[in-house]
Amino acid sequence: MTRKEISDSIVNIINEILPDGDCSGLDPDKRLRDQLELDSMDFLDIVMELRKKYGVEVPEEDYPKLATLNSCADYLEPKMKSI
Protein backbone atom coordinates (compact mmCIF):
# COMPACT_ATOMS: atom_id res chain seq x y z
CA MET A 1 0.00 0.00 0.00
CA THR A 2 1.09 3.55 -0.65
CA ARG A 3 1.19 6.25 2.05
CA LYS A 4 -1.97 7.78 0.53
CA GLU A 5 -3.78 4.43 0.63
CA ILE A 6 -2.68 3.91 4.24
CA SER A 7 -3.89 7.39 5.23
CA ASP A 8 -7.19 6.81 3.42
CA SER A 9 -7.58 3.46 5.20
CA ILE A 10 -7.02 5.09 8.60
CA VAL A 11 -9.61 7.76 7.78
CA ASN A 12 -12.07 5.06 6.66
CA ILE A 13 -11.57 3.14 9.90
CA ILE A 14 -12.08 6.34 11.92
CA ASN A 15 -15.27 7.07 9.97
CA GLU A 16 -16.56 3.57 10.81
CA ILE A 17 -15.77 4.01 14.51
CA LEU A 18 -16.95 7.62 14.75
CA PRO A 19 -19.72 7.99 12.18
CA ASP A 20 -20.44 11.51 13.44
CA GLY A 21 -16.77 12.52 13.32
CA ASP A 22 -15.71 14.85 10.54
CA CYS A 23 -12.43 13.71 9.00
CA SER A 24 -12.59 16.09 6.04
CA GLY A 25 -10.46 18.76 7.67
CA LEU A 26 -7.92 16.59 9.44
CA ASP A 27 -4.49 18.12 9.85
CA PRO A 28 -2.11 15.20 9.19
CA ASP A 29 0.42 16.59 11.67
CA LYS A 30 -1.91 17.17 14.63
CA ARG A 31 -2.86 14.50 17.15
CA LEU A 32 -5.92 12.55 16.03
CA ARG A 33 -7.22 12.36 19.60
CA ASP A 34 -7.24 16.15 19.85
CA GLN A 35 -8.89 16.73 16.49
CA LEU A 36 -11.56 14.06 16.80
CA GLU A 37 -11.97 13.78 20.56
CA LEU A 38 -11.06 10.11 20.44
CA ASP A 39 -11.10 8.36 23.78
CA SER A 40 -8.89 5.41 24.63
CA MET A 41 -11.56 2.89 23.61
CA ASP A 42 -11.95 4.54 20.19
CA PHE A 43 -8.18 4.40 19.75
CA LEU A 44 -8.13 0.70 20.67
CA ASP A 45 -10.93 0.11 18.16
CA ILE A 46 -8.74 1.66 15.46
CA VAL A 47 -5.85 -0.63 16.40
CA MET A 48 -8.16 -3.67 16.41
CA GLU A 49 -9.54 -2.75 12.97
CA LEU A 50 -6.00 -2.51 11.59
CA ARG A 51 -5.35 -6.01 12.85
CA LYS A 52 -8.66 -7.38 11.58
CA LYS A 53 -8.58 -5.77 8.13
CA TYR A 54 -4.85 -5.86 7.36
CA GLY A 55 -3.28 -8.32 9.79
CA VAL A 56 -1.12 -5.56 11.29
CA GLU A 57 -0.16 -6.08 14.92
CA VAL A 58 0.58 -2.89 16.84
CA PRO A 59 2.18 -3.56 20.22
CA GLU A 60 1.01 -1.32 23.06
CA GLU A 61 4.44 0.32 23.35
CA ASP A 62 4.05 1.55 19.75
CA TYR A 63 0.68 3.26 20.29
CA PRO A 64 2.32 6.72 20.58
CA LYS A 65 3.60 6.23 17.02
CA LEU A 66 -0.03 6.37 15.85
CA ALA A 67 -0.70 9.83 17.25
CA THR A 68 -1.13 11.72 13.95
CA LEU A 69 -2.22 10.71 10.47
CA ASN A 70 1.33 11.23 9.19
CA SER A 71 2.89 9.25 12.04
CA CYS A 72 0.39 6.44 11.36
CA ALA A 73 1.50 6.34 7.73
CA ASP A 74 5.20 6.42 8.76
CA TYR A 75 4.70 3.55 11.18
CA LEU A 76 2.39 1.42 9.01
CA GLU A 77 4.04 1.89 5.61
CA PRO A 78 6.76 -0.77 6.07
CA LYS A 79 4.25 -3.15 7.69
CA MET A 80 1.68 -2.74 4.90
CA LYS A 81 4.04 -2.53 1.93
CA SER A 82 3.04 -5.94 0.60
CA ILE A 83 -0.72 -5.49 1.06
PDB file of N, CA and C in Angstrom:
ATOM      1  N   MET A   1       0.837  -1.191   0.000  1.00  0.00           N
ATOM      2  CA  MET A   1       0.000   0.000   0.000  1.00  0.00           C
ATOM      3  C   MET A   1       0.877   1.248   0.000  1.00  0.00           C
ATOM      4  N   THR A   2       0.389   2.274  -0.645  1.00  0.00           N
ATOM      5  CA  THR A   2       1.088   3.550  -0.645  1.00  0.00           C
ATOM      6  C   THR A   2       0.732   4.336   0.617  1.00  0.00           C
ATOM      7  N   ARG A   3       1.486   5.390   0.891  1.00  0.00           N
ATOM      8  CA  ARG A   3       1.185   6.253   2.048  1.00  0.00           C
ATOM      9  C   ARG A   3      -0.229   6.811   1.942  1.00  0.00           C
ATOM     10  N   LYS A   4      -0.621   7.219   0.740  1.00  0.00           N
ATOM     11  CA  LYS A   4      -1.966   7.778   0.531  1.00  0.00           C
ATOM     12  C   LYS A   4      -3.028   6.725   0.840  1.00  0.00           C
ATOM     13  N   GLU A   5      -2.827   5.511   0.363  1.00  0.00           N
ATOM     14  CA  GLU A   5      -3.781   4.430   0.633  1.00  0.00           C
ATOM     15  C   GLU A   5      -3.854   4.120   2.127  1.00  0.00           C
ATOM     16  N   ILE A   6      -2.712   4.155   2.794  1.00  0.00           N
ATOM     17  CA  ILE A   6      -2.684   3.910   4.239  1.00  0.00           C
ATOM     18  C   ILE A   6      -3.448   5.012   4.960  1.00  0.00           C
ATOM     19  N   SER A   7      -3.181   6.263   4.609  1.00  0.00           N
ATOM     20  CA  SER A   7      -3.890   7.387   5.230  1.00  0.00           C
ATOM     21  C   SER A   7      -5.389   7.289   4.980  1.00  0.00           C
ATOM     22  N   ASP A   8      -5.766   6.963   3.751  1.00  0.00           N
ATOM     23  CA  ASP A   8      -7.185   6.805   3.422  1.00  0.00           C
ATOM     24  C   ASP A   8      -7.815   5.664   4.229  1.00  0.00           C
ATOM     25  N   SER A   9      -7.073   4.591   4.415  1.00  0.00           N
ATOM     26  CA  SER A   9      -7.581   3.460   5.202  1.00  0.00           C
ATOM     27  C   SER A   9      -7.805   3.857   6.655  1.00  0.00           C
ATOM     28  N   ILE A  10      -6.871   4.629   7.218  1.00  0.00           N
ATOM     29  CA  ILE A  10      -7.016   5.093   8.603  1.00  0.00           C
ATOM     30  C   ILE A  10      -8.262   5.972   8.716  1.00  0.00           C
ATOM     31  N   VAL A  11      -8.438   6.876   7.771  1.00  0.00           N
ATOM     32  CA  VAL A  11      -9.608   7.762   7.785  1.00  0.00           C
ATOM     33  C   VAL A  11     -10.891   6.938   7.666  1.00  0.00           C
ATOM     34  N   ASN A  12     -10.889   5.921   6.803  1.00  0.00           N
ATOM     35  CA  ASN A  12     -12.073   5.064   6.657  1.00  0.00           C
ATOM     36  C   ASN A  12     -12.388   4.329   7.952  1.00  0.00           C
ATOM     37  N   ILE A  13     -11.372   3.833   8.621  1.00  0.00           N
ATOM     38  CA  ILE A  13     -11.571   3.144   9.901  1.00  0.00           C
ATOM     39  C   ILE A  13     -12.136   4.118  10.926  1.00  0.00           C
ATOM     40  N   ILE A  14     -11.583   5.324  10.973  1.00  0.00           N
ATOM     41  CA  ILE A  14     -12.080   6.335  11.920  1.00  0.00           C
ATOM     42  C   ILE A  14     -13.540   6.652  11.622  1.00  0.00           C
ATOM     43  N   ASN A  15     -13.883   6.780  10.347  1.00  0.00           N
ATOM     44  CA  ASN A  15     -15.272   7.066   9.966  1.00  0.00           C
ATOM     45  C   ASN A  15     -16.215   5.944  10.390  1.00  0.00           C
ATOM     46  N   GLU A  16     -15.734   4.695  10.360  1.00  0.00           N
ATOM     47  CA  GLU A  16     -16.556   3.571  10.809  1.00  0.00           C
ATOM     48  C   GLU A  16     -16.766   3.633  12.323  1.00  0.00           C
ATOM     49  N   ILE A  17     -15.718   3.985  13.043  1.00  0.00           N
ATOM     50  CA  ILE A  17     -15.774   4.005  14.506  1.00  0.00           C
ATOM     51  C   ILE A  17     -16.517   5.233  15.018  1.00  0.00           C
ATOM     52  N   LEU A  18     -16.303   6.358  14.364  1.00  0.00           N
ATOM     53  CA  LEU A  18     -16.947   7.622  14.747  1.00  0.00           C
ATOM     54  C   LEU A  18     -17.773   8.136  13.583  1.00  0.00           C
ATOM     55  N   PRO A  19     -18.942   7.568  13.346  1.00  0.00           N
ATOM     56  CA  PRO A  19     -19.723   7.989  12.179  1.00  0.00           C
ATOM     57  C   PRO A  19     -20.095   9.471  12.194  1.00  0.00           C
ATOM     58  N   ASP A  20     -20.129  10.085  13.370  1.00  0.00           N
ATOM     59  CA  ASP A  20     -20.438  11.514  13.445  1.00  0.00           C
ATOM     60  C   ASP A  20     -19.186  12.384  13.380  1.00  0.00           C
ATOM     61  N   GLY A  21     -18.020  11.760  13.391  1.00  0.00           N
ATOM     62  CA  GLY A  21     -16.773  12.524  13.324  1.00  0.00           C
ATOM     63  C   GLY A  21     -16.549  13.060  11.924  1.00  0.00           C
ATOM     64  N   ASP A  22     -15.978  14.233  11.839  1.00  0.00           N
ATOM     65  CA  ASP A  22     -15.706  14.851  10.539  1.00  0.00           C
ATOM     66  C   ASP A  22     -14.218  14.772  10.262  1.00  0.00           C
ATOM     67  N   CYS A  23     -13.838  13.901   9.339  1.00  0.00           N
ATOM     68  CA  CYS A  23     -12.432  13.713   9.001  1.00  0.00           C
ATOM     69  C   CYS A  23     -11.998  14.553   7.808  1.00  0.00           C
ATOM     70  N   SER A  24     -12.903  15.341   7.254  1.00  0.00           N
ATOM     71  CA  SER A  24     -12.587  16.089   6.036  1.00  0.00           C
ATOM     72  C   SER A  24     -11.517  17.147   6.249  1.00  0.00           C
ATOM     73  N   GLY A  25     -11.440  17.710   7.432  1.00  0.00           N
ATOM     74  CA  GLY A  25     -10.465  18.764   7.673  1.00  0.00           C
ATOM     75  C   GLY A  25      -9.317  18.357   8.567  1.00  0.00           C
ATOM     76  N   LEU A  26      -8.995  17.063   8.576  1.00  0.00           N
ATOM     77  CA  LEU A  26      -7.921  16.595   9.445  1.00  0.00           C
ATOM     78  C   LEU A  26      -6.579  17.204   9.053  1.00  0.00           C
ATOM     79  N   ASP A  27      -5.859  17.679  10.051  1.00  0.00           N
ATOM     80  CA  ASP A  27      -4.490  18.123   9.848  1.00  0.00           C
ATOM     81  C   ASP A  27      -3.613  16.895  10.078  1.00  0.00           C
ATOM     82  N   PRO A  28      -2.870  16.446   9.056  1.00  0.00           N
ATOM     83  CA  PRO A  28      -2.114  15.200   9.187  1.00  0.00           C
ATOM     84  C   PRO A  28      -0.991  15.261  10.222  1.00  0.00           C
ATOM     85  N   ASP A  29      -0.656  16.459  10.695  1.00  0.00           N
ATOM     86  CA  ASP A  29       0.421  16.594  11.668  1.00  0.00           C
ATOM     87  C   ASP A  29      -0.059  16.856  13.089  1.00  0.00           C
ATOM     88  N   LYS A  30      -1.362  16.958  13.280  1.00  0.00           N
ATOM     89  CA  LYS A  30      -1.913  17.173  14.628  1.00  0.00           C
ATOM     90  C   LYS A  30      -2.440  15.858  15.174  1.00  0.00           C
ATOM     91  N   ARG A  31      -2.402  15.733  16.491  1.00  0.00           N
ATOM     92  CA  ARG A  31      -2.861  14.502  17.152  1.00  0.00           C
ATOM     93  C   ARG A  31      -4.317  14.208  16.802  1.00  0.00           C
ATOM     94  N   LEU A  32      -4.558  12.970  16.383  1.00  0.00           N
ATOM     95  CA  LEU A  32      -5.916  12.549  16.031  1.00  0.00           C
ATOM     96  C   LEU A  32      -6.854  12.662  17.226  1.00  0.00           C
ATOM     97  N   ARG A  33      -6.372  12.305  18.404  1.00  0.00           N
ATOM     98  CA  ARG A  33      -7.220  12.364  19.601  1.00  0.00           C
ATOM     99  C   ARG A  33      -7.710  13.782  19.865  1.00  0.00           C
ATOM    100  N   ASP A  34      -6.861  14.757  19.621  1.00  0.00           N
ATOM    101  CA  ASP A  34      -7.239  16.151  19.852  1.00  0.00           C
ATOM    102  C   ASP A  34      -8.225  16.656  18.802  1.00  0.00           C
ATOM    103  N   GLN A  35      -8.036  16.244  17.577  1.00  0.00           N
ATOM    104  CA  GLN A  35      -8.893  16.726  16.490  1.00  0.00           C
ATOM    105  C   GLN A  35     -10.269  16.074  16.489  1.00  0.00           C
ATOM    106  N   LEU A  36     -10.323  14.825  16.903  1.00  0.00           N
ATOM    107  CA  LEU A  36     -11.565  14.064  16.795  1.00  0.00           C
ATOM    108  C   LEU A  36     -12.155  13.684  18.146  1.00  0.00           C
ATOM    109  N   GLU A  37     -11.515  14.119  19.213  1.00  0.00           N
ATOM    110  CA  GLU A  37     -11.968  13.781  20.559  1.00  0.00           C
ATOM    111  C   GLU A  37     -12.108  12.274  20.738  1.00  0.00           C
ATOM    112  N   LEU A  38     -11.094  11.556  20.269  1.00  0.00           N
ATOM    113  CA  LEU A  38     -11.058  10.111  20.439  1.00  0.00           C
ATOM    114  C   LEU A  38     -10.751   9.786  21.898  1.00  0.00           C
ATOM    115  N   ASP A  39     -11.479   8.835  22.445  1.00  0.00           N
ATOM    116  CA  ASP A  39     -11.103   8.364  23.778  1.00  0.00           C
ATOM    117  C   ASP A  39     -10.255   7.094  23.610  1.00  0.00           C
ATOM    118  N   SER A  40      -9.800   6.551  24.710  1.00  0.00           N
ATOM    119  CA  SER A  40      -8.894   5.406  24.633  1.00  0.00           C
ATOM    120  C   SER A  40      -9.568   4.184  23.999  1.00  0.00           C
ATOM    121  N   MET A  41     -10.851   4.016  24.227  1.00  0.00           N
ATOM    122  CA  MET A  41     -11.558   2.886  23.607  1.00  0.00           C
ATOM    123  C   MET A  41     -11.663   3.054  22.093  1.00  0.00           C
ATOM    124  N   ASP A  42     -11.909   4.279  21.636  1.00  0.00           N
ATOM    125  CA  ASP A  42     -11.947   4.543  20.195  1.00  0.00           C
ATOM    126  C   ASP A  42     -10.592   4.223  19.569  1.00  0.00           C
ATOM    127  N   PHE A  43      -9.527   4.645  20.256  1.00  0.00           N
ATOM    128  CA  PHE A  43      -8.181   4.399  19.752  1.00  0.00           C
ATOM    129  C   PHE A  43      -7.913   2.893  19.661  1.00  0.00           C
ATOM    130  N   LEU A  44      -8.302   2.160  20.695  1.00  0.00           N
ATOM    131  CA  LEU A  44      -8.128   0.704  20.669  1.00  0.00           C
ATOM    132  C   LEU A  44      -8.942   0.068  19.548  1.00  0.00           C
ATOM    133  N   ASP A  45     -10.120   0.609  19.278  1.00  0.00           N
ATOM    134  CA  ASP A  45     -10.932   0.111  18.161  1.00  0.00           C
ATOM    135  C   ASP A  45     -10.203   0.290  16.835  1.00  0.00           C
ATOM    136  N   ILE A  46      -9.512   1.417  16.682  1.00  0.00           N
ATOM    137  CA  ILE A  46      -8.738   1.662  15.456  1.00  0.00           C
ATOM    138  C   ILE A  46      -7.637   0.610  15.325  1.00  0.00           C
ATOM    139  N   VAL A  47      -6.920   0.368  16.407  1.00  0.00           N
ATOM    140  CA  VAL A  47      -5.846  -0.626  16.403  1.00  0.00           C
ATOM    141  C   VAL A  47      -6.399  -2.016  16.079  1.00  0.00           C
ATOM    142  N   MET A  48      -7.541  -2.359  16.659  1.00  0.00           N
ATOM    143  CA  MET A  48      -8.156  -3.669  16.407  1.00  0.00           C
ATOM    144  C   MET A  48      -8.605  -3.810  14.946  1.00  0.00           C
ATOM    145  N   GLU A  49      -9.129  -2.727  14.385  1.00  0.00           N
ATOM    146  CA  GLU A  49      -9.542  -2.753  12.972  1.00  0.00           C
ATOM    147  C   GLU A  49      -8.341  -2.933  12.053  1.00  0.00           C
ATOM    148  N   LEU A  50      -7.215  -2.318  12.388  1.00  0.00           N
ATOM    149  CA  LEU A  50      -5.999  -2.508  11.591  1.00  0.00           C
ATOM    150  C   LEU A  50      -5.593  -3.974  11.587  1.00  0.00           C
ATOM    151  N   ARG A  51      -5.700  -4.593  12.748  1.00  0.00           N
ATOM    152  CA  ARG A  51      -5.349  -6.010  12.845  1.00  0.00           C
ATOM    153  C   ARG A  51      -6.346  -6.862  12.065  1.00  0.00           C
ATOM    154  N   LYS A  52      -7.632  -6.579  12.230  1.00  0.00           N
ATOM    155  CA  LYS A  52      -8.665  -7.381  11.577  1.00  0.00           C
ATOM    156  C   LYS A  52      -8.621  -7.232  10.053  1.00  0.00           C
ATOM    157  N   LYS A  53      -8.516  -6.009   9.570  1.00  0.00           N
ATOM    158  CA  LYS A  53      -8.575  -5.768   8.125  1.00  0.00           C
ATOM    159  C   LYS A  53      -7.266  -6.080   7.400  1.00  0.00           C
ATOM    160  N   TYR A  54      -6.136  -5.783   8.056  1.00  0.00           N
ATOM    161  CA  TYR A  54      -4.853  -5.862   7.359  1.00  0.00           C
ATOM    162  C   TYR A  54      -3.845  -6.799   8.000  1.00  0.00           C
ATOM    163  N   GLY A  55      -4.195  -7.411   9.130  1.00  0.00           N
ATOM    164  CA  GLY A  55      -3.277  -8.324   9.790  1.00  0.00           C
ATOM    165  C   GLY A  55      -2.083  -7.629  10.429  1.00  0.00           C
ATOM    166  N   VAL A  56      -2.217  -6.340  10.710  1.00  0.00           N
ATOM    167  CA  VAL A  56      -1.123  -5.561  11.289  1.00  0.00           C
ATOM    168  C   VAL A  56      -1.246  -5.570  12.806  1.00  0.00           C
ATOM    169  N   GLU A  57      -0.217  -6.084  13.464  1.00  0.00           N
ATOM    170  CA  GLU A  57      -0.160  -6.076  14.921  1.00  0.00           C
ATOM    171  C   GLU A  57       0.562  -4.815  15.373  1.00  0.00           C
ATOM    172  N   VAL A  58      -0.043  -4.091  16.283  1.00  0.00           N
ATOM    173  CA  VAL A  58       0.581  -2.893  16.838  1.00  0.00           C
ATOM    174  C   VAL A  58       0.735  -3.126  18.344  1.00  0.00           C
ATOM    175  N   PRO A  59       1.985  -3.358  18.789  1.00  0.00           N
ATOM    176  CA  PRO A  59       2.185  -3.561  20.219  1.00  0.00           C
ATOM    177  C   PRO A  59       1.872  -2.287  21.003  1.00  0.00           C
ATOM    178  N   GLU A  60       1.433  -2.459  22.231  1.00  0.00           N
ATOM    179  CA  GLU A  60       1.014  -1.323  23.057  1.00  0.00           C
ATOM    180  C   GLU A  60       2.103  -0.256  23.176  1.00  0.00           C
ATOM    181  N   GLU A  61       3.355  -0.669  23.229  1.00  0.00           N
ATOM    182  CA  GLU A  61       4.438   0.321  23.351  1.00  0.00           C
ATOM    183  C   GLU A  61       4.588   1.186  22.099  1.00  0.00           C
ATOM    184  N   ASP A  62       3.988   0.767  20.994  1.00  0.00           N
ATOM    185  CA  ASP A  62       4.048   1.551  19.752  1.00  0.00           C
ATOM    186  C   ASP A  62       2.839   2.462  19.557  1.00  0.00           C
ATOM    187  N   TYR A  63       1.868   2.418  20.438  1.00  0.00           N
ATOM    188  CA  TYR A  63       0.679   3.263  20.292  1.00  0.00           C
ATOM    189  C   TYR A  63       1.011   4.744  20.103  1.00  0.00           C
ATOM    190  N   PRO A  64       2.004   5.297  20.807  1.00  0.00           N
ATOM    191  CA  PRO A  64       2.323   6.722  20.584  1.00  0.00           C
ATOM    192  C   PRO A  64       2.742   7.036  19.142  1.00  0.00           C
ATOM    193  N   LYS A  65       3.202   6.020  18.417  1.00  0.00           N
ATOM    194  CA  LYS A  65       3.604   6.229  17.021  1.00  0.00           C
ATOM    195  C   LYS A  65       2.399   6.405  16.098  1.00  0.00           C
ATOM    196  N   LEU A  66       1.195   6.208  16.634  1.00  0.00           N
ATOM    197  CA  LEU A  66      -0.035   6.368  15.846  1.00  0.00           C
ATOM    198  C   LEU A  66      -0.787   7.645  16.235  1.00  0.00           C
ATOM    199  N   ALA A  67      -0.066   8.616  16.722  1.00  0.00           N
ATOM    200  CA  ALA A  67      -0.703   9.831  17.247  1.00  0.00           C
ATOM    201  C   ALA A  67      -1.316  10.704  16.158  1.00  0.00           C
ATOM    202  N   THR A  68      -0.635  10.862  15.034  1.00  0.00           N
ATOM    203  CA  THR A  68      -1.132  11.717  13.951  1.00  0.00           C
ATOM    204  C   THR A  68      -1.343  10.869  12.697  1.00  0.00           C
ATOM    205  N   LEU A  69      -2.015  11.430  11.727  1.00  0.00           N
ATOM    206  CA  LEU A  69      -2.222  10.709  10.467  1.00  0.00           C
ATOM    207  C   LEU A  69      -0.879  10.430   9.793  1.00  0.00           C
ATOM    208  N   ASN A  70       0.016  11.428   9.797  1.00  0.00           N
ATOM    209  CA  ASN A  70       1.334  11.229   9.193  1.00  0.00           C
ATOM    210  C   ASN A  70       2.161  10.202   9.948  1.00  0.00           C
ATOM    211  N   SER A  71       2.105  10.233  11.285  1.00  0.00           N
ATOM    212  CA  SER A  71       2.889   9.251  12.040  1.00  0.00           C
ATOM    213  C   SER A  71       2.316   7.844  11.852  1.00  0.00           C
ATOM    214  N   CYS A  72       1.005   7.739  11.678  1.00  0.00           N
ATOM    215  CA  CYS A  72       0.387   6.436  11.361  1.00  0.00           C
ATOM    216  C   CYS A  72       0.956   5.907  10.051  1.00  0.00           C
ATOM    217  N   ALA A  73       0.990   6.750   9.043  1.00  0.00           N
ATOM    218  CA  ALA A  73       1.503   6.338   7.731  1.00  0.00           C
ATOM    219  C   ALA A  73       2.985   5.955   7.831  1.00  0.00           C
ATOM    220  N   ASP A  74       3.772   6.743   8.582  1.00  0.00           N
ATOM    221  CA  ASP A  74       5.196   6.424   8.762  1.00  0.00           C
ATOM    222  C   ASP A  74       5.365   5.053   9.401  1.00  0.00           C
ATOM    223  N   TYR A  75       4.586   4.795  10.432  1.00  0.00           N
ATOM    224  CA  TYR A  75       4.699   3.546  11.176  1.00  0.00           C
ATOM    225  C   TYR A  75       4.177   2.351  10.362  1.00  0.00           C
ATOM    226  N   LEU A  76       3.053   2.541   9.690  1.00  0.00           N
ATOM    227  CA  LEU A  76       2.394   1.424   9.012  1.00  0.00           C
ATOM    228  C   LEU A  76       2.955   1.124   7.622  1.00  0.00           C
ATOM    229  N   GLU A  77       3.583   2.090   6.988  1.00  0.00           N
ATOM    230  CA  GLU A  77       4.044   1.891   5.608  1.00  0.00           C
ATOM    231  C   GLU A  77       4.925   0.642   5.441  1.00  0.00           C
ATOM    232  N   PRO A  78       5.955   0.459   6.265  1.00  0.00           N
ATOM    233  CA  PRO A  78       6.757  -0.767   6.069  1.00  0.00           C
ATOM    234  C   PRO A  78       5.974  -2.041   6.391  1.00  0.00           C
ATOM    235  N   LYS A  79       5.032  -1.976   7.307  1.00  0.00           N
ATOM    236  CA  LYS A  79       4.253  -3.146   7.692  1.00  0.00           C
ATOM    237  C   LYS A  79       3.199  -3.508   6.637  1.00  0.00           C
ATOM    238  N   MET A  80       2.758  -2.515   5.866  1.00  0.00           N
ATOM    239  CA  MET A  80       1.683  -2.736   4.898  1.00  0.00           C
ATOM    240  C   MET A  80       2.160  -2.666   3.454  1.00  0.00           C
ATOM    241  N   LYS A  81       3.473  -2.666   3.263  1.00  0.00           N
ATOM    242  CA  LYS A  81       4.040  -2.533   1.926  1.00  0.00           C
ATOM    243  C   LYS A  81       3.546  -3.626   0.980  1.00  0.00           C
ATOM    244  N   SER A  82       3.396  -4.822   1.487  1.00  0.00           N
ATOM    245  CA  SER A  82       3.042  -5.944   0.604  1.00  0.00           C
ATOM    246  C   SER A  82       1.539  -6.164   0.480  1.00  0.00           C
ATOM    247  N   ILE A  83       0.749  -5.315   1.111  1.00  0.00           N
ATOM    248  CA  ILE A  83      -0.720  -5.488   1.062  1.00  0.00           C
ATOM    249  C   ILE A  83      -1.265  -4.847  -0.196  1.00  0.00           C
TER     250      ILE A  83
END
